[in-house]
C-alpha atoms as a PDB file:
ATOM      1  CA  MET A   1       0.000   0.000   0.000  1.00  0.00           C
ATOM      2  CA  SER A   2       1.306   3.475  -0.744  1.00  0.00           C
ATOM      3  CA  SER A   3       0.904   6.772   1.069  1.00  0.00           C
ATOM      4  CA  VAL A   4      -2.378   8.640   0.629  1.00  0.00           C
ATOM      5  CA  ILE A   5      -2.645  12.439   0.629  1.00  0.00           C
ATOM      6  CA  THR A   6      -5.927  14.371   0.638  1.00  0.00           C
ATOM      7  CA  SER A   7      -6.973  18.003   0.718  1.00  0.00           C
ATOM      8  CA  VAL A   8      -8.255  19.422   4.010  1.00  0.00           C
ATOM      9  CA  SER A   9      -9.825  22.751   4.945  1.00  0.00           C
ATOM     10  CA  LEU A  10      -8.013  24.542   7.739  1.00  0.00           C
ATOM     11  CA  CYS A  11      -8.831  27.701   9.666  1.00  0.00           C
ATOM     12  CA  CYS A  12      -5.707  29.681  10.514  1.00  0.00           C
ATOM     13  CA  PRO A  13      -5.329  30.320  14.262  1.00  0.00           C
ATOM     14  CA  GLY A  14      -3.379  33.499  13.448  1.00  0.00           C
ATOM     15  CA  CYS A  15      -5.575  35.401  10.975  1.00  0.00           C
ATOM     16  CA  GLY A  16      -8.770  33.324  11.051  1.00  0.00           C
ATOM     17  CA  LYS A  17      -8.858  32.801   7.276  1.00  0.00           C
ATOM     18  CA  GLU A  18      -9.701  29.413   5.817  1.00  0.00           C
ATOM     19  CA  TYR A  19      -7.409  27.699   3.333  1.00  0.00           C
ATOM     20  CA  GLU A  20      -6.897  24.323   1.685  1.00  0.00           C
ATOM     21  CA  ALA A  21      -3.838  22.230   2.499  1.00  0.00           C
ATOM     22  CA  GLN A  22      -2.563  18.748   1.774  1.00  0.00           C
ATOM     23  CA  ALA A  23      -2.624  16.208   4.619  1.00  0.00           C
ATOM     24  CA  TYR A  24      -1.581  12.578   4.843  1.00  0.00           C
ATOM     25  CA  ARG A  25      -4.271  10.013   5.589  1.00  0.00           C
ATOM     26  CA  HIS A  26      -1.911   7.055   5.245  1.00  0.00           C
ATOM     27  CA  VAL A  27       1.874   7.186   5.663  1.00  0.00           C
ATOM     28  CA  ASP A  28       3.708   4.187   4.196  1.00  0.00           C
ATOM     29  CA  ALA A  29       7.257   4.458   5.541  1.00  0.00           C
ATOM     30  CA  VAL A  30       8.126   1.087   3.972  1.00  0.00           C
ATOM     31  CA  ALA A  31       7.553   2.397   0.446  1.00  0.00           C
ATOM     32  CA  GLU A  32       8.719   5.935   1.304  1.00  0.00           C
ATOM     33  CA  PRO A  33      11.265   5.691   4.178  1.00  0.00           C
ATOM     34  CA  GLU A  34      11.948   9.441   4.071  1.00  0.00           C
ATOM     35  CA  LEU A  35       8.464   9.978   5.547  1.00  0.00           C
ATOM     36  CA  ARG A  36       9.580   8.320   8.823  1.00  0.00           C
ATOM     37  CA  ASP A  37      11.946  11.254   9.456  1.00  0.00           C
ATOM     38  CA  LYS A  38       9.173  13.747   8.645  1.00  0.00           C
ATOM     39  CA  VAL A  39       6.902  12.043  11.171  1.00  0.00           C
ATOM     40  CA  ILE A  40       9.624  11.979  13.847  1.00  0.00           C
ATOM     41  CA  SER A  41      10.460  15.671  13.332  1.00  0.00           C
ATOM     42  CA  GLY A  42       6.758  16.605  13.247  1.00  0.00           C
ATOM     43  CA  GLU A  43       7.190  18.284   9.847  1.00  0.00           C
ATOM     44  CA  LEU A  44       4.594  15.977   8.277  1.00  0.00           C
ATOM     45  CA  PHE A  45       1.881  17.466  10.524  1.00  0.00           C
ATOM     46  CA  LEU A  46       2.681  21.195  10.158  1.00  0.00           C
ATOM     47  CA  ARG A  47       1.036  23.527   7.638  1.00  0.00           C
ATOM     48  CA  THR A  48       1.721  27.210   6.937  1.00  0.00           C
ATOM     49  CA  CYS A  49      -1.086  29.691   6.330  1.00  0.00           C
ATOM     50  CA  PRO A  50      -0.658  31.231   2.858  1.00  0.00           C
ATOM     51  CA  PHE A  51      -2.160  34.519   4.114  1.00  0.00           C
ATOM     52  CA  CYS A  52      -0.178  35.304   7.274  1.00  0.00           C
ATOM     53  CA  GLY A  53       2.507  32.609   7.563  1.00  0.00           C
ATOM     54  CA  SER A  54       1.244  31.205  10.868  1.00  0.00           C
ATOM     55  CA  ARG A  55       1.991  27.520  11.358  1.00  0.00           C
ATOM     56  CA  GLN A  56      -0.495  25.023  12.682  1.00  0.00           C
ATOM     57  CA  LEU A  57      -0.638  21.371  13.527  1.00  0.00           C
ATOM     58  CA  VAL A  58      -2.879  19.108  11.423  1.00  0.00           C
ATOM     59  CA  THR A  59      -4.416  16.610  13.845  1.00  0.00           C
ATOM     60  CA  ASP A  60      -6.766  14.772  11.476  1.00  0.00           C
ATOM     61  CA  PRO A  61      -6.774  10.962  11.642  1.00  0.00           C
ATOM     62  CA  VAL A  62      -3.792   9.329   9.968  1.00  0.00           C
ATOM     63  CA  ILE A  63      -2.449   5.788   9.673  1.00  0.00           C
ATOM     64  CA  TYR A  64       1.318   5.221   9.885  1.00  0.00           C
ATOM     65  CA  ARG A  65       2.946   1.990   8.687  1.00  0.00           C
ATOM     66  CA  ASP A  66       6.524   0.723   8.660  1.00  0.00           C
ATOM     67  CA  ASN A  67       8.097  -2.729   9.018  1.00  0.00           C
ATOM     68  CA  HIS A  68       7.316  -3.114  12.739  1.00  0.00           C
ATOM     69  CA  LEU A  69       4.469  -0.736  13.522  1.00  0.00           C
ATOM     70  CA  LEU A  70       0.992   0.125  12.346  1.00  0.00           C
ATOM     71  CA  ALA A  71      -0.196   3.162  14.318  1.00  0.00           C
ATOM     72  CA  CYS A  72      -3.420   5.051  13.910  1.00  0.00           C
ATOM     73  CA  LEU A  73      -4.048   8.567  15.161  1.00  0.00           C
ATOM     74  CA  SER A  74      -7.763   8.277  15.866  1.00  0.00           C
ATOM     75  CA  ASP A  75     -10.279   8.539  18.665  1.00  0.00           C
ATOM     76  CA  ARG A  76     -12.158   5.470  17.393  1.00  0.00           C
ATOM     77  CA  LYS A  77     -11.440   1.812  18.125  1.00  0.00           C
ATOM     78  CA  LEU A  78     -10.451  -0.049  14.967  1.00  0.00           C
ATOM     79  CA  GLU A  79     -10.462  -3.704  14.031  1.00  0.00           C
ATOM     80  CA  VAL A  80      -7.525  -4.556  11.773  1.00  0.00           C
ATOM     81  CA  GLU A  81      -6.517  -7.899  10.341  1.00  0.00           C
ATOM     82  CA  GLY A  82      -3.203  -9.058   8.926  1.00  0.00           C
ATOM     83  CA  LEU A  83      -0.773  -7.320  11.271  1.00  0.00           C
ATOM     84  CA  ASP A  84       1.530 -10.380  10.996  1.00  0.00           C
ATOM     85  CA  GLY A  85       4.296  -9.527  13.444  1.00  0.00           C
ATOM     86  CA  MET A  86       3.604  -5.784  13.479  1.00  0.00           C
ATOM     87  CA  ALA A  87       2.511  -3.910  16.585  1.00  0.00           C
ATOM     88  CA  GLY A  88      -0.909  -2.301  16.125  1.00  0.00           C
ATOM     89  CA  ARG A  89      -1.266   0.892  18.135  1.00  0.00           C
ATOM     90  CA  LEU A  90      -3.956   3.521  18.592  1.00  0.00           C
ATOM     91  CA  VAL A  91      -2.811   6.994  19.645  1.00  0.00           C
ATOM     92  CA  SER A  92      -4.825  10.069  20.557  1.00  0.00           C
ATOM     93  CA  ASP A  93      -2.471  12.869  19.518  1.00  0.00           C
ATOM     94  CA  VAL A  94       0.386  13.697  17.150  1.00  0.00           C
ATOM     95  CA  GLY A  95       2.980  13.698  19.954  1.00  0.00           C
ATOM     96  CA  SER A  96       2.047  10.138  20.917  1.00  0.00           C
ATOM     97  CA  LEU A  97       2.284   9.014  17.277  1.00  0.00           C
ATOM     98  CA  ILE A  98       5.749  10.560  17.002  1.00  0.00           C
ATOM     99  CA  GLU A  99       6.814   8.860  20.232  1.00  0.00           C
ATOM    100  CA  LYS A 100       5.613   5.425  19.022  1.00  0.00           C
ATOM    101  CA  VAL A 101       7.558   5.811  15.782  1.00  0.00           C
ATOM    102  CA  LYS A 102      10.688   6.820  17.742  1.00  0.00           C
ATOM    103  CA  ILE A 103      10.377   3.823  20.095  1.00  0.00           C
ATOM    104  CA  PHE A 104       9.971   1.249  17.334  1.00  0.00           C
ATOM    105  CA  THR A 105      12.581   2.907  15.077  1.00  0.00           C
ATOM    106  CA  ALA A 106      15.061   2.553  17.976  1.00  0.00           C
ATOM    107  CA  GLY A 107      14.330  -1.189  17.999  1.00  0.00           C
ATOM    108  CA  LEU A 108      12.446  -1.029  21.300  1.00  0.00           C
ATOM    109  CA  ASP A 109       8.943  -2.093  22.335  1.00  0.00           C
ATOM    110  CA  ASP A 110       6.419   0.353  23.777  1.00  0.00           C
ATOM    111  CA  VAL A 111       5.010  -2.153  26.295  1.00  0.00           C
ATOM    112  CA  PRO A 112       8.147  -2.391  28.471  1.00  0.00           C
ATOM    113  CA  MET A 113       8.845   1.289  27.686  1.00  0.00           C
ATOM    114  CA  GLU A 114       5.564   2.267  29.398  1.00  0.00           C
ATOM    115  CA  PHE A 115       6.617   0.234  32.452  1.00  0.00           C
ATOM    116  CA  CYS A 116      10.052   1.918  32.297  1.00  0.00           C
ATOM    117  CA  LYS A 117       8.372   5.339  32.279  1.00  0.00           C
ATOM    118  CA  PHE A 118       6.204   4.303  35.264  1.00  0.00           C
ATOM    119  CA  VAL A 119       9.291   3.246  37.258  1.00  0.00           C
ATOM    120  CA  THR A 120      11.064   6.490  36.320  1.00  0.00           C
ATOM    121  CA  ARG A 121       8.077   8.595  37.479  1.00  0.00           C
ATOM    122  CA  GLN A 122       8.136   6.736  40.787  1.00  0.00           C
ATOM    123  CA  GLU A 123      11.864   7.359  41.223  1.00  0.00           C
ATOM    124  CA  LEU A 124      11.459  11.038  40.317  1.00  0.00           C
ATOM    125  CA  GLY A 125       8.610  11.408  42.779  1.00  0.00           C
ATOM    126  CA  LYS A 126       6.809  13.557  40.211  1.00  0.00           C
ATOM    127  CA  ASP A 127       3.565  13.021  38.331  1.00  0.00           C
ATOM    128  CA  VAL A 128       4.894  14.036  34.911  1.00  0.00           C
ATOM    129  CA  ASP A 129       4.135  12.998  31.333  1.00  0.00           C
ATOM    130  CA  LEU A 130       7.348  11.313  30.184  1.00  0.00           C
ATOM    131  CA  LYS A 131       8.090  10.940  26.458  1.00  0.00           C
ATOM    132  CA  PHE A 132      10.777   8.782  24.863  1.00  0.00           C
ATOM    133  CA  LEU A 133      13.221  10.849  22.780  1.00  0.00           C
ATOM    134  CA  ARG A 134      16.084   8.537  21.821  1.00  0.00           C
ATOM    135  CA  LEU A 135      18.801   6.125  22.850  1.00  0.00           C
ATOM    136  CA  ASP A 136      22.096   7.816  23.645  1.00  0.00           C
ATOM    137  CA  GLY A 137      25.738   6.856  24.080  1.00  0.00           C
ATOM    138  CA  ALA A 138      27.612   3.592  24.020  1.00  0.00           C
ATOM    139  CA  ASP A 139      25.446   2.172  26.821  1.00  0.00           C
ATOM    140  CA  ASN A 140      22.190   3.050  25.033  1.00  0.00           C
ATOM    141  CA  ASP A 141      20.917   5.246  27.840  1.00  0.00           C
ATOM    142  CA  ILE A 142      17.253   6.068  27.367  1.00  0.00           C
ATOM    143  CA  ILE A 143      16.597   9.796  27.056  1.00  0.00           C
ATOM    144  CA  LEU A 144      13.153  10.837  28.271  1.00  0.00           C
ATOM    145  CA  ALA A 145      11.643  14.320  28.356  1.00  0.00           C
ATOM    146  CA  TYR A 146       8.830  15.995  30.275  1.00  0.00           C
ATOM    147  CA  PRO A 147       7.430  19.525  30.538  1.00  0.00           C
ATOM    148  CA  GLU A 148       8.035  21.429  33.762  1.00  0.00           C
ATOM    149  CA  GLY A 149       7.973  25.138  34.477  1.00  0.00           C
ATOM    150  CA  GLY A 150       7.319  26.013  30.833  1.00  0.00           C
ATOM    151  CA  GLN A 151      10.404  24.154  29.615  1.00  0.00           C
ATOM    152  CA  MET A 152      11.235  20.628  28.546  1.00  0.00           C
ATOM    153  CA  GLN A 153      13.343  18.732  31.045  1.00  0.00           C
ATOM    154  CA  MET A 154      15.434  15.803  29.878  1.00  0.00           C
ATOM    155  CA  LEU A 155      16.682  12.891  31.895  1.00  0.00           C
ATOM    156  CA  SER A 156      18.763   9.823  31.210  1.00  0.00           C
ATOM    157  CA  VAL A 157      17.664   6.361  32.327  1.00  0.00           C
ATOM    158  CA  GLY A 158      19.989   3.377  32.237  1.00  0.00           C
ATOM    159  CA  PHE A 159      19.125   0.758  29.623  1.00  0.00           C
ATOM    160  CA  ASN A 160      19.070  -1.823  32.423  1.00  0.00           C
ATOM    161  CA  VAL A 161      15.753  -0.329  33.640  1.00  0.00           C
ATOM    162  CA  TYR A 162      14.211  -1.074  30.231  1.00  0.00           C
ATOM    163  CA  GLU A 163      15.722  -4.570  30.271  1.00  0.00           C
ATOM    164  CA  ASP A 164      14.269  -5.188  33.753  1.00  0.00           C
ATOM    165  CA  CYS A 165      10.863  -4.072  32.477  1.00  0.00           C
ATOM    166  CA  CYS A 166      11.192  -6.457  29.508  1.00  0.00           C
ATOM    167  CA  GLY A 167      11.746  -9.212  32.085  1.00  0.00           C
ATOM    168  CA  ILE A 168       8.639  -8.189  34.025  1.00  0.00           C
ATOM    169  CA  VAL A 169       6.548  -8.248  30.839  1.00  0.00           C
ATOM    170  CA  GLY A 170       8.001 -11.629  29.837  1.00  0.00           C
ATOM    171  CA  ARG A 171       7.231 -13.214  33.222  1.00  0.00           C
ATOM    172  CA  ASN A 172       3.634 -11.942  33.281  1.00  0.00           C
ATOM    173  CA  PRO A 173       1.658 -13.239  30.267  1.00  0.00           C
ATOM    174  CA  GLU A 174      -1.497 -11.398  31.385  1.00  0.00           C
ATOM    175  CA  ILE A 175       0.227  -8.170  30.324  1.00  0.00           C
ATOM    176  CA  THR A 176       0.569  -9.202  26.685  1.00  0.00           C
ATOM    177  CA  ARG A 177      -2.632 -11.267  26.455  1.00  0.00           C
ATOM    178  CA  GLY A 178      -4.748  -8.409  25.023  1.00  0.00           C
ATOM    179  CA  LEU A 179      -2.220  -6.985  22.570  1.00  0.00           C
ATOM    180  CA  GLY A 180      -3.714  -8.423  19.378  1.00  0.00           C
ATOM    181  CA  GLY A 181      -5.159  -5.971  16.859  1.00  0.00           C
ATOM    182  CA  MET A 182      -5.069  -2.222  17.369  1.00  0.00           C
ATOM    183  CA  VAL A 183      -4.580  -1.265  21.027  1.00  0.00           C
ATOM    184  CA  ARG A 184      -3.797   1.876  23.010  1.00  0.00           C
ATOM    185  CA  ILE A 185      -0.574   1.397  25.015  1.00  0.00           C
ATOM    186  CA  ASP A 186      -0.086   4.418  27.261  1.00  0.00           C
ATOM    187  CA  ARG A 187       0.136   5.486  30.880  1.00  0.00           C
ATOM    188  CA  SER A 188      -3.452   4.506  31.679  1.00  0.00           C
ATOM    189  CA  TRP A 189      -2.924   1.083  30.124  1.00  0.00           C
ATOM    190  CA  VAL A 190       0.180   0.285  32.212  1.00  0.00           C
ATOM    191  CA  GLU A 191      -1.406   1.553  35.428  1.00  0.00           C
ATOM    192  CA  GLN A 192      -4.163  -1.093  35.239  1.00  0.00           C
ATOM    193  CA  PHE A 193      -1.491  -3.716  36.021  1.00  0.00           C
ATOM    194  CA  LEU A 194      -0.037  -1.778  38.949  1.00  0.00           C
ATOM    195  CA  ARG A 195      -3.097  -1.133  41.103  1.00  0.00           C
END
């Protein structure tokens, strides 16, 4: 399947004028690998008003596909067949879609990553929304970010925390039992196992 682009009507938040713009409905990063980088940078979701130059985020539903991940930015539950070894994920916002692509592009799995983020929040003693940014250094430290005081804070987590979380997931089959099809793996999902 190839990428699908459609025309959408947007209302500029800067000048209030309406304009037509192109938006992806389906992103096939297998056929067009350069689109993966545009998703990760967020460029794929930004449009510029032709009247005033203001930029805005296009948050319309979109399906992203690469070799390991099928992710859908949608508020509706979807039934999908034929995932065959791919992770099927539902996300509710562009930032979450970008994070999923980053996690799977780094060769990681979002299930233990959500447990890793839970453990990190506990160690921080802060109720913050952690996002995976990248692996860093020779030891593959996990770089996470969170907003605080109007700025993004970054922290480094040892890869061993992720490996420990992989072990927890592996030893507890009830965690992975419901992962078939398209599922939402996020903070709320992981917390159901930790009550």
